[in-house]
Amino acid sequence: MSISTRKGDNGETDLMFGRRVAKNHPRIIALGAVDELNTMLGIVLTHCNDQSEIKERTVSVQNDLIVLMGELGTLPEDFPQYEEKGFDRFGIGRLEKIDKWISIIESKDIKTEGWALPGSSGLQLSASLDHARVVCRRAERECTELINELDASILSYLNRLSDLLWLMARESDLNS
């Protein structure tokens, strides 16, 4: 089967379970922003080198984002079928993990004076983490369009994830 189905040539795309929506539908806009974030985190991984904690957190977040994209790609009325197929739902546990990591990094007493200027350390890892943070903020804004259709933990997760990415950027500067 070819990756090029030509089904999107008329400005529509597929959601889960055969549902079709316009490519500028808020669900697709949010899905694209989360996909871009996941891709940006892939770039972060290429710069991790010996920073295994940052790498492990990043891979875990990428896996969370795949679950989030599955939910974004499913209309609320199709969630029973989504669950029957064995797909994971997002849930509060992922948010608790992010909160735990934030606490761990904050316990390292990272000091910054003034605004943290992205790229000022000269490190690709911290600059990439700052870029991922900005993409995360946009993904959060795009998901607010669907606030009444999403699990409440999703917006909280994206909000906290941007904080975590900021902290990880500062942590990477310390560890270099």
N, C-alpha and C. Protein backbone atom coordinates (compact mmCIF):
# COMPACT_ATOMS: atom_id res chain seq x y z
N MET A 1 0.84 -1.17 0.00
CA MET A 1 0.00 0.00 0.00
C MET A 1 0.89 1.24 0.00
N SER A 2 0.58 2.19 -0.83
CA SER A 2 1.36 3.41 -0.95
C SER A 2 1.01 4.39 0.17
N ILE A 3 2.00 5.16 0.62
CA ILE A 3 1.75 6.22 1.59
C ILE A 3 0.89 7.32 0.97
N SER A 4 0.94 7.44 -0.35
CA SER A 4 0.19 8.47 -1.07
C SER A 4 -1.16 7.91 -1.51
N THR A 5 -2.18 8.21 -0.69
CA THR A 5 -3.52 7.68 -0.98
C THR A 5 -4.33 8.62 -1.88
N ARG A 6 -3.92 9.87 -1.93
CA ARG A 6 -4.61 10.91 -2.69
C ARG A 6 -5.98 11.28 -2.11
N LYS A 7 -6.33 10.70 -0.95
CA LYS A 7 -7.62 11.01 -0.33
C LYS A 7 -7.65 12.42 0.25
N GLY A 8 -6.48 13.01 0.48
CA GLY A 8 -6.43 14.34 1.06
C GLY A 8 -6.36 15.46 0.04
N ASP A 9 -6.39 15.11 -1.22
CA ASP A 9 -6.24 16.11 -2.27
C ASP A 9 -7.37 17.14 -2.28
N ASN A 10 -8.50 16.82 -1.68
CA ASN A 10 -9.63 17.75 -1.69
C ASN A 10 -9.76 18.55 -0.40
N GLY A 11 -8.69 18.52 0.43
CA GLY A 11 -8.69 19.33 1.64
C GLY A 11 -9.26 18.66 2.87
N GLU A 12 -9.48 17.35 2.81
CA GLU A 12 -9.96 16.61 3.98
C GLU A 12 -8.92 15.57 4.37
N THR A 13 -9.04 15.09 5.61
CA THR A 13 -8.13 14.06 6.09
C THR A 13 -8.89 13.12 7.02
N ASP A 14 -8.29 11.97 7.29
CA ASP A 14 -8.93 10.95 8.12
C ASP A 14 -8.64 11.15 9.60
N LEU A 15 -9.64 10.87 10.40
CA LEU A 15 -9.49 10.67 11.83
C LEU A 15 -9.61 9.16 12.05
N MET A 16 -9.57 8.75 13.29
CA MET A 16 -9.75 7.33 13.60
C MET A 16 -11.17 6.90 13.22
N PHE A 17 -11.28 5.63 12.87
CA PHE A 17 -12.56 4.98 12.60
C PHE A 17 -13.29 5.56 11.39
N GLY A 18 -12.51 5.97 10.40
CA GLY A 18 -13.06 6.37 9.12
C GLY A 18 -13.72 7.74 9.09
N ARG A 19 -13.60 8.48 10.16
CA ARG A 19 -14.19 9.83 10.17
C ARG A 19 -13.30 10.75 9.35
N ARG A 20 -13.92 11.67 8.62
CA ARG A 20 -13.17 12.62 7.81
C ARG A 20 -13.54 14.04 8.21
N VAL A 21 -12.53 14.89 8.25
CA VAL A 21 -12.73 16.30 8.58
C VAL A 21 -11.84 17.14 7.67
N ALA A 22 -12.14 18.43 7.61
CA ALA A 22 -11.31 19.36 6.85
C ALA A 22 -9.93 19.45 7.49
N LYS A 23 -8.92 19.68 6.65
CA LYS A 23 -7.56 19.76 7.17
C LYS A 23 -7.34 20.97 8.06
N ASN A 24 -8.26 21.94 8.01
CA ASN A 24 -8.15 23.08 8.91
C ASN A 24 -9.11 22.98 10.10
N HIS A 25 -9.64 21.80 10.35
CA HIS A 25 -10.49 21.54 11.51
C HIS A 25 -9.64 21.72 12.78
N PRO A 26 -10.21 22.30 13.85
CA PRO A 26 -9.44 22.51 15.08
C PRO A 26 -8.76 21.24 15.61
N ARG A 27 -9.36 20.10 15.40
CA ARG A 27 -8.77 18.84 15.85
C ARG A 27 -7.49 18.54 15.07
N ILE A 28 -7.49 18.83 13.79
CA ILE A 28 -6.32 18.58 12.95
C ILE A 28 -5.23 19.61 13.24
N ILE A 29 -5.63 20.84 13.48
CA ILE A 29 -4.67 21.89 13.84
C ILE A 29 -3.95 21.50 15.14
N ALA A 30 -4.71 21.07 16.14
CA ALA A 30 -4.12 20.65 17.42
C ALA A 30 -3.24 19.42 17.22
N LEU A 31 -3.72 18.47 16.46
CA LEU A 31 -2.95 17.25 16.19
C LEU A 31 -1.62 17.59 15.52
N GLY A 32 -1.65 18.51 14.56
CA GLY A 32 -0.43 18.91 13.88
C GLY A 32 0.56 19.58 14.82
N ALA A 33 0.06 20.40 15.74
CA ALA A 33 0.94 21.07 16.69
C ALA A 33 1.60 20.07 17.63
N VAL A 34 0.85 19.08 18.08
CA VAL A 34 1.41 18.05 18.97
C VAL A 34 2.40 17.19 18.19
N ASP A 35 2.10 16.89 16.94
CA ASP A 35 3.02 16.13 16.09
C ASP A 35 4.32 16.91 15.90
N GLU A 36 4.20 18.22 15.67
CA GLU A 36 5.40 19.05 15.53
C GLU A 36 6.22 19.05 16.81
N LEU A 37 5.56 19.11 17.96
CA LEU A 37 6.26 19.04 19.24
C LEU A 37 7.01 17.72 19.36
N ASN A 38 6.36 16.62 19.01
CA ASN A 38 7.01 15.32 19.10
C ASN A 38 8.24 15.27 18.19
N THR A 39 8.13 15.86 17.02
CA THR A 39 9.25 15.90 16.10
C THR A 39 10.38 16.77 16.66
N MET A 40 10.03 17.88 17.26
CA MET A 40 11.04 18.75 17.87
C MET A 40 11.76 18.02 19.00
N LEU A 41 11.02 17.21 19.74
CA LEU A 41 11.66 16.41 20.79
C LEU A 41 12.61 15.37 20.20
N GLY A 42 12.31 14.91 18.99
CA GLY A 42 13.25 14.03 18.29
C GLY A 42 14.56 14.75 18.02
N ILE A 43 14.48 16.03 17.68
CA ILE A 43 15.70 16.82 17.47
C ILE A 43 16.44 16.98 18.80
N VAL A 44 15.69 17.20 19.89
CA VAL A 44 16.31 17.27 21.22
C VAL A 44 17.13 16.01 21.47
N LEU A 45 16.57 14.86 21.15
CA LEU A 45 17.27 13.59 21.39
C LEU A 45 18.62 13.54 20.68
N THR A 46 18.70 14.14 19.50
CA THR A 46 19.97 14.08 18.75
C THR A 46 21.07 14.89 19.42
N HIS A 47 20.70 15.73 20.38
CA HIS A 47 21.68 16.57 21.07
C HIS A 47 21.94 16.14 22.52
N CYS A 48 21.32 15.06 22.97
CA CYS A 48 21.42 14.66 24.37
C CYS A 48 22.81 14.16 24.76
N ASN A 49 23.51 13.53 23.85
CA ASN A 49 24.84 12.97 24.13
C ASN A 49 24.83 12.18 25.43
N ASP A 50 25.56 12.64 26.45
CA ASP A 50 25.68 11.87 27.69
C ASP A 50 24.67 12.29 28.76
N GLN A 51 23.69 13.06 28.41
CA GLN A 51 22.70 13.51 29.40
C GLN A 51 21.52 12.54 29.41
N SER A 52 21.74 11.40 30.07
CA SER A 52 20.78 10.30 30.01
C SER A 52 19.43 10.63 30.66
N GLU A 53 19.43 11.42 31.75
CA GLU A 53 18.15 11.77 32.37
C GLU A 53 17.27 12.56 31.41
N ILE A 54 17.86 13.51 30.72
CA ILE A 54 17.10 14.32 29.77
C ILE A 54 16.62 13.44 28.63
N LYS A 55 17.46 12.54 28.18
CA LYS A 55 17.08 11.62 27.10
C LYS A 55 15.91 10.73 27.53
N GLU A 56 15.99 10.15 28.71
CA GLU A 56 14.92 9.27 29.20
C GLU A 56 13.60 10.02 29.35
N ARG A 57 13.66 11.22 29.90
CA ARG A 57 12.43 12.02 30.04
C ARG A 57 11.84 12.35 28.67
N THR A 58 12.72 12.70 27.74
CA THR A 58 12.26 13.10 26.41
C THR A 58 11.57 11.94 25.71
N VAL A 59 12.15 10.76 25.76
CA VAL A 59 11.53 9.59 25.12
C VAL A 59 10.19 9.27 25.78
N SER A 60 10.12 9.38 27.09
CA SER A 60 8.86 9.14 27.79
C SER A 60 7.79 10.14 27.36
N VAL A 61 8.16 11.40 27.24
CA VAL A 61 7.22 12.42 26.79
C VAL A 61 6.77 12.13 25.36
N GLN A 62 7.71 11.73 24.50
CA GLN A 62 7.33 11.41 23.12
C GLN A 62 6.27 10.30 23.09
N ASN A 63 6.44 9.30 23.93
CA ASN A 63 5.44 8.23 23.99
C ASN A 63 4.10 8.74 24.52
N ASP A 64 4.15 9.65 25.48
CA ASP A 64 2.90 10.27 25.96
C ASP A 64 2.21 11.02 24.83
N LEU A 65 2.99 11.74 24.02
CA LEU A 65 2.42 12.53 22.94
C LEU A 65 1.77 11.65 21.88
N ILE A 66 2.29 10.46 21.68
CA ILE A 66 1.66 9.52 20.74
C ILE A 66 0.27 9.15 21.24
N VAL A 67 0.13 8.90 22.54
CA VAL A 67 -1.18 8.61 23.11
C VAL A 67 -2.09 9.82 22.97
N LEU A 68 -1.55 11.00 23.24
CA LEU A 68 -2.33 12.23 23.11
C LEU A 68 -2.81 12.41 21.67
N MET A 69 -1.93 12.14 20.69
CA MET A 69 -2.34 12.27 19.29
C MET A 69 -3.44 11.27 18.94
N GLY A 70 -3.39 10.09 19.53
CA GLY A 70 -4.47 9.13 19.31
C GLY A 70 -5.80 9.67 19.78
N GLU A 71 -5.80 10.31 20.94
CA GLU A 71 -7.05 10.90 21.44
C GLU A 71 -7.49 12.08 20.59
N LEU A 72 -6.54 12.90 20.15
CA LEU A 72 -6.91 14.03 19.30
C LEU A 72 -7.48 13.55 17.96
N GLY A 73 -7.02 12.41 17.51
CA GLY A 73 -7.48 11.86 16.23
C GLY A 73 -8.77 11.06 16.34
N THR A 74 -9.41 11.10 17.51
CA THR A 74 -10.65 10.35 17.74
C THR A 74 -11.74 11.30 18.21
N LEU A 75 -12.88 11.24 17.56
CA LEU A 75 -14.01 12.05 18.01
C LEU A 75 -14.56 11.47 19.31
N PRO A 76 -15.10 12.31 20.19
CA PRO A 76 -15.60 11.82 21.48
C PRO A 76 -16.59 10.66 21.37
N GLU A 77 -17.43 10.68 20.36
CA GLU A 77 -18.42 9.60 20.23
C GLU A 77 -17.78 8.27 19.84
N ASP A 78 -16.52 8.31 19.43
CA ASP A 78 -15.82 7.07 19.05
C ASP A 78 -14.92 6.53 20.15
N PHE A 79 -14.88 7.18 21.32
CA PHE A 79 -14.01 6.70 22.39
C PHE A 79 -14.36 5.29 22.88
N PRO A 80 -15.64 4.89 22.96
CA PRO A 80 -15.90 3.49 23.33
C PRO A 80 -15.21 2.50 22.37
N GLN A 81 -15.28 2.78 21.09
CA GLN A 81 -14.62 1.93 20.09
C GLN A 81 -13.10 2.02 20.23
N TYR A 82 -12.59 3.19 20.51
CA TYR A 82 -11.16 3.43 20.72
C TYR A 82 -10.64 2.54 21.86
N GLU A 83 -11.39 2.54 22.95
CA GLU A 83 -11.00 1.74 24.11
C GLU A 83 -11.16 0.24 23.84
N GLU A 84 -12.22 -0.14 23.11
CA GLU A 84 -12.41 -1.55 22.75
C GLU A 84 -11.24 -2.08 21.93
N LYS A 85 -10.66 -1.23 21.12
CA LYS A 85 -9.51 -1.62 20.29
C LYS A 85 -8.22 -1.69 21.11
N GLY A 86 -8.29 -1.31 22.39
CA GLY A 86 -7.14 -1.42 23.28
C GLY A 86 -6.20 -0.23 23.27
N PHE A 87 -6.64 0.88 22.70
CA PHE A 87 -5.80 2.08 22.71
C PHE A 87 -5.81 2.71 24.10
N ASP A 88 -4.64 3.19 24.53
CA ASP A 88 -4.51 3.86 25.83
C ASP A 88 -5.22 5.20 25.80
N ARG A 89 -5.82 5.54 26.94
CA ARG A 89 -6.35 6.89 27.14
C ARG A 89 -5.28 7.69 27.89
N PHE A 90 -5.36 8.98 27.82
CA PHE A 90 -4.30 9.82 28.35
C PHE A 90 -4.21 9.74 29.87
N GLY A 91 -5.15 10.29 30.59
CA GLY A 91 -5.22 10.12 32.04
C GLY A 91 -4.24 10.94 32.87
N ILE A 92 -4.54 11.03 34.14
CA ILE A 92 -3.84 11.89 35.09
C ILE A 92 -2.44 11.39 35.44
N GLY A 93 -2.16 10.11 35.30
CA GLY A 93 -0.85 9.56 35.68
C GLY A 93 0.31 10.21 34.94
N ARG A 94 0.07 10.57 33.71
CA ARG A 94 1.13 11.22 32.93
C ARG A 94 1.44 12.61 33.48
N LEU A 95 0.43 13.31 33.92
CA LEU A 95 0.62 14.63 34.52
C LEU A 95 1.41 14.51 35.82
N GLU A 96 1.11 13.52 36.62
CA GLU A 96 1.83 13.32 37.87
C GLU A 96 3.31 13.06 37.63
N LYS A 97 3.63 12.35 36.56
CA LYS A 97 5.03 12.09 36.20
C LYS A 97 5.75 13.40 35.89
N ILE A 98 5.11 14.27 35.12
CA ILE A 98 5.70 15.56 34.76
C ILE A 98 5.92 16.39 36.02
N ASP A 99 4.93 16.43 36.90
CA ASP A 99 5.06 17.18 38.16
C ASP A 99 6.24 16.66 38.99
N LYS A 100 6.41 15.34 39.01
CA LYS A 100 7.52 14.75 39.76
C LYS A 100 8.86 15.19 39.19
N TRP A 101 8.98 15.16 37.86
CA TRP A 101 10.24 15.58 37.23
C TRP A 101 10.51 17.05 37.48
N ILE A 102 9.48 17.88 37.45
CA ILE A 102 9.66 19.31 37.73
C ILE A 102 10.23 19.48 39.14
N SER A 103 9.66 18.76 40.10
CA SER A 103 10.15 18.85 41.49
C SER A 103 11.59 18.41 41.61
N ILE A 104 11.96 17.35 40.91
CA ILE A 104 13.34 16.86 40.95
C ILE A 104 14.31 17.91 40.43
N ILE A 105 13.97 18.50 39.28
CA ILE A 105 14.88 19.49 38.70
C ILE A 105 14.92 20.75 39.57
N GLU A 106 13.77 21.18 40.07
CA GLU A 106 13.76 22.37 40.92
C GLU A 106 14.55 22.16 42.21
N SER A 107 14.65 20.92 42.68
CA SER A 107 15.42 20.65 43.89
C SER A 107 16.92 20.85 43.66
N LYS A 108 17.32 20.93 42.41
CA LYS A 108 18.73 21.18 42.08
C LYS A 108 19.09 22.65 42.21
N ASP A 109 18.09 23.47 42.55
CA ASP A 109 18.28 24.90 42.81
C ASP A 109 18.98 25.60 41.64
N ILE A 110 18.37 25.46 40.49
CA ILE A 110 18.90 26.09 39.28
C ILE A 110 18.66 27.60 39.39
N LYS A 111 19.73 28.35 39.20
CA LYS A 111 19.65 29.81 39.30
C LYS A 111 19.69 30.42 37.90
N THR A 112 18.79 31.37 37.65
CA THR A 112 18.85 32.16 36.43
C THR A 112 18.64 33.61 36.82
N GLU A 113 19.34 34.48 36.14
CA GLU A 113 19.17 35.90 36.38
C GLU A 113 18.55 36.51 35.14
N GLY A 114 17.45 37.23 35.33
CA GLY A 114 16.78 37.83 34.19
C GLY A 114 16.14 36.76 33.31
N TRP A 115 15.93 37.11 32.08
CA TRP A 115 15.30 36.21 31.11
C TRP A 115 16.34 35.22 30.61
N ALA A 116 16.00 33.96 30.52
CA ALA A 116 16.91 32.96 29.96
C ALA A 116 16.87 33.10 28.44
N LEU A 117 17.92 33.59 27.87
CA LEU A 117 17.99 33.85 26.45
C LEU A 117 18.29 32.55 25.70
N PRO A 118 17.32 32.03 24.94
CA PRO A 118 17.55 30.76 24.22
C PRO A 118 18.81 30.82 23.35
N GLY A 119 19.63 29.81 23.48
CA GLY A 119 20.85 29.71 22.68
C GLY A 119 22.04 30.44 23.25
N SER A 120 21.85 31.20 24.33
CA SER A 120 22.96 32.01 24.85
C SER A 120 24.08 31.17 25.43
N SER A 121 23.79 29.94 25.83
CA SER A 121 24.85 29.07 26.37
C SER A 121 25.69 28.47 25.26
N GLY A 122 25.20 28.57 24.03
CA GLY A 122 25.94 27.97 22.92
C GLY A 122 25.69 26.48 22.76
N LEU A 123 24.81 25.93 23.57
CA LEU A 123 24.54 24.50 23.53
C LEU A 123 23.31 24.21 22.68
N GLN A 124 23.46 23.28 21.74
CA GLN A 124 22.33 22.91 20.89
C GLN A 124 21.22 22.25 21.69
N LEU A 125 21.58 21.50 22.72
CA LEU A 125 20.56 20.82 23.52
C LEU A 125 19.64 21.83 24.21
N SER A 126 20.20 22.79 24.90
CA SER A 126 19.33 23.74 25.61
C SER A 126 18.53 24.59 24.62
N ALA A 127 19.14 24.98 23.50
CA ALA A 127 18.41 25.75 22.49
C ALA A 127 17.26 24.93 21.91
N SER A 128 17.50 23.63 21.69
CA SER A 128 16.45 22.75 21.15
C SER A 128 15.33 22.55 22.17
N LEU A 129 15.69 22.44 23.44
CA LEU A 129 14.67 22.32 24.49
C LEU A 129 13.84 23.60 24.58
N ASP A 130 14.48 24.76 24.44
CA ASP A 130 13.72 26.01 24.43
C ASP A 130 12.80 26.08 23.22
N HIS A 131 13.26 25.60 22.08
CA HIS A 131 12.41 25.58 20.88
C HIS A 131 11.22 24.64 21.12
N ALA A 132 11.48 23.48 21.69
CA ALA A 132 10.41 22.53 22.00
C ALA A 132 9.39 23.16 22.95
N ARG A 133 9.87 23.96 23.91
CA ARG A 133 8.97 24.63 24.86
C ARG A 133 8.00 25.56 24.13
N VAL A 134 8.51 26.29 23.16
CA VAL A 134 7.67 27.22 22.41
C VAL A 134 6.64 26.46 21.58
N VAL A 135 7.06 25.36 20.96
CA VAL A 135 6.13 24.54 20.18
C VAL A 135 5.08 23.94 21.12
N CYS A 136 5.50 23.55 22.32
CA CYS A 136 4.57 23.00 23.31
C CYS A 136 3.52 24.03 23.70
N ARG A 137 3.93 25.27 23.88
CA ARG A 137 2.98 26.33 24.22
C ARG A 137 1.93 26.50 23.12
N ARG A 138 2.39 26.42 21.86
CA ARG A 138 1.45 26.55 20.74
C ARG A 138 0.50 25.35 20.72
N ALA A 139 1.04 24.15 20.95
CA ALA A 139 0.18 22.96 20.99
C ALA A 139 -0.88 23.11 22.08
N GLU A 140 -0.49 23.64 23.22
CA GLU A 140 -1.44 23.87 24.30
C GLU A 140 -2.54 24.85 23.85
N ARG A 141 -2.13 25.94 23.20
CA ARG A 141 -3.12 26.92 22.73
C ARG A 141 -4.07 26.29 21.72
N GLU A 142 -3.53 25.47 20.82
CA GLU A 142 -4.37 24.84 19.80
C GLU A 142 -5.34 23.84 20.44
N CYS A 143 -4.91 23.16 21.48
CA CYS A 143 -5.78 22.18 22.14
C CYS A 143 -6.89 22.85 22.95
N THR A 144 -6.69 24.11 23.35
CA THR A 144 -7.75 24.78 24.11
C THR A 144 -9.02 24.93 23.27
N GLU A 145 -8.89 24.91 21.97
CA GLU A 145 -10.05 24.97 21.08
C GLU A 145 -10.97 23.76 21.30
N LEU A 146 -10.40 22.68 21.82
CA LEU A 146 -11.15 21.43 22.03
C LEU A 146 -11.38 21.15 23.52
N ILE A 147 -11.30 22.18 24.34
CA ILE A 147 -11.31 22.00 25.79
C ILE A 147 -12.50 21.18 26.30
N ASN A 148 -13.64 21.31 25.66
CA ASN A 148 -14.82 20.57 26.12
C ASN A 148 -14.87 19.14 25.61
N GLU A 149 -13.93 18.78 24.74
CA GLU A 149 -13.92 17.44 24.16
C GLU A 149 -12.75 16.58 24.64
N LEU A 150 -11.83 17.18 25.40
CA LEU A 150 -10.61 16.47 25.81
C LEU A 150 -10.62 16.19 27.30
N ASP A 151 -9.91 15.15 27.67
CA ASP A 151 -9.66 14.87 29.08
C ASP A 151 -8.96 16.10 29.66
N ALA A 152 -9.39 16.56 30.81
CA ALA A 152 -8.84 17.78 31.43
C ALA A 152 -7.35 17.68 31.68
N SER A 153 -6.84 16.48 31.87
CA SER A 153 -5.42 16.33 32.16
C SER A 153 -4.54 16.69 30.96
N ILE A 154 -5.10 16.70 29.76
CA ILE A 154 -4.30 16.97 28.56
C ILE A 154 -3.80 18.41 28.56
N LEU A 155 -4.68 19.37 28.80
CA LEU A 155 -4.24 20.77 28.82
C LEU A 155 -3.28 21.02 29.99
N SER A 156 -3.56 20.42 31.13
CA SER A 156 -2.65 20.56 32.28
C SER A 156 -1.28 19.96 31.95
N TYR A 157 -1.28 18.82 31.28
CA TYR A 157 -0.03 18.16 30.90
C TYR A 157 0.79 19.07 29.99
N LEU A 158 0.17 19.61 28.95
CA LEU A 158 0.91 20.47 28.02
C LEU A 158 1.40 21.73 28.72
N ASN A 159 0.60 22.28 29.62
CA ASN A 159 1.03 23.45 30.37
C ASN A 159 2.26 23.14 31.21
N ARG A 160 2.23 22.04 31.94
CA ARG A 160 3.36 21.66 32.79
C ARG A 160 4.55 21.21 31.96
N LEU A 161 4.26 20.57 30.81
CA LEU A 161 5.36 20.11 29.96
C LEU A 161 6.20 21.29 29.49
N SER A 162 5.58 22.40 29.17
CA SER A 162 6.37 23.56 28.75
C SER A 162 7.26 24.04 29.90
N ASP A 163 6.76 23.97 31.13
CA ASP A 163 7.59 24.31 32.29
C ASP A 163 8.76 23.34 32.42
N LEU A 164 8.46 22.06 32.26
CA LEU A 164 9.50 21.04 32.34
C LEU A 164 10.56 21.27 31.27
N LEU A 165 10.15 21.57 30.06
CA LEU A 165 11.12 21.79 28.99
C LEU A 165 12.02 22.98 29.29
N TRP A 166 11.45 24.04 29.86
CA TRP A 166 12.26 25.19 30.26
C TRP A 166 13.29 24.78 31.30
N LEU A 167 12.83 24.03 32.30
CA LEU A 167 13.75 23.56 33.34
C LEU A 167 14.82 22.63 32.79
N MET A 168 14.43 21.74 31.89
CA MET A 168 15.41 20.82 31.30
C MET A 168 16.46 21.60 30.49
N ALA A 169 16.06 22.68 29.84
CA ALA A 169 17.02 23.50 29.10
C ALA A 169 18.04 24.11 30.08
N ARG A 170 17.56 24.61 31.20
CA ARG A 170 18.48 25.19 32.20
C ARG A 170 19.34 24.09 32.81
N GLU A 171 18.74 22.92 33.06
CA GLU A 171 19.48 21.78 33.62
C GLU A 171 20.58 21.35 32.66
N SER A 172 20.29 21.34 31.38
CA SER A 172 21.30 20.91 30.40
C SER A 172 22.48 21.88 30.38
N ASP A 173 22.22 23.15 30.61
CA ASP A 173 23.32 24.12 30.71
C ASP A 173 24.21 23.81 31.92
N LEU A 174 23.58 23.43 33.04
CA LEU A 174 24.34 23.08 34.25
C LEU A 174 25.19 21.83 34.04
N ASN A 175 24.63 20.86 33.33
CA ASN A 175 25.29 19.57 33.17
C ASN A 175 26.39 19.57 32.11
N SER A 176 26.52 20.64 31.37
CA SER A 176 27.51 20.63 30.27
C SER A 176 28.89 20.99 30.76
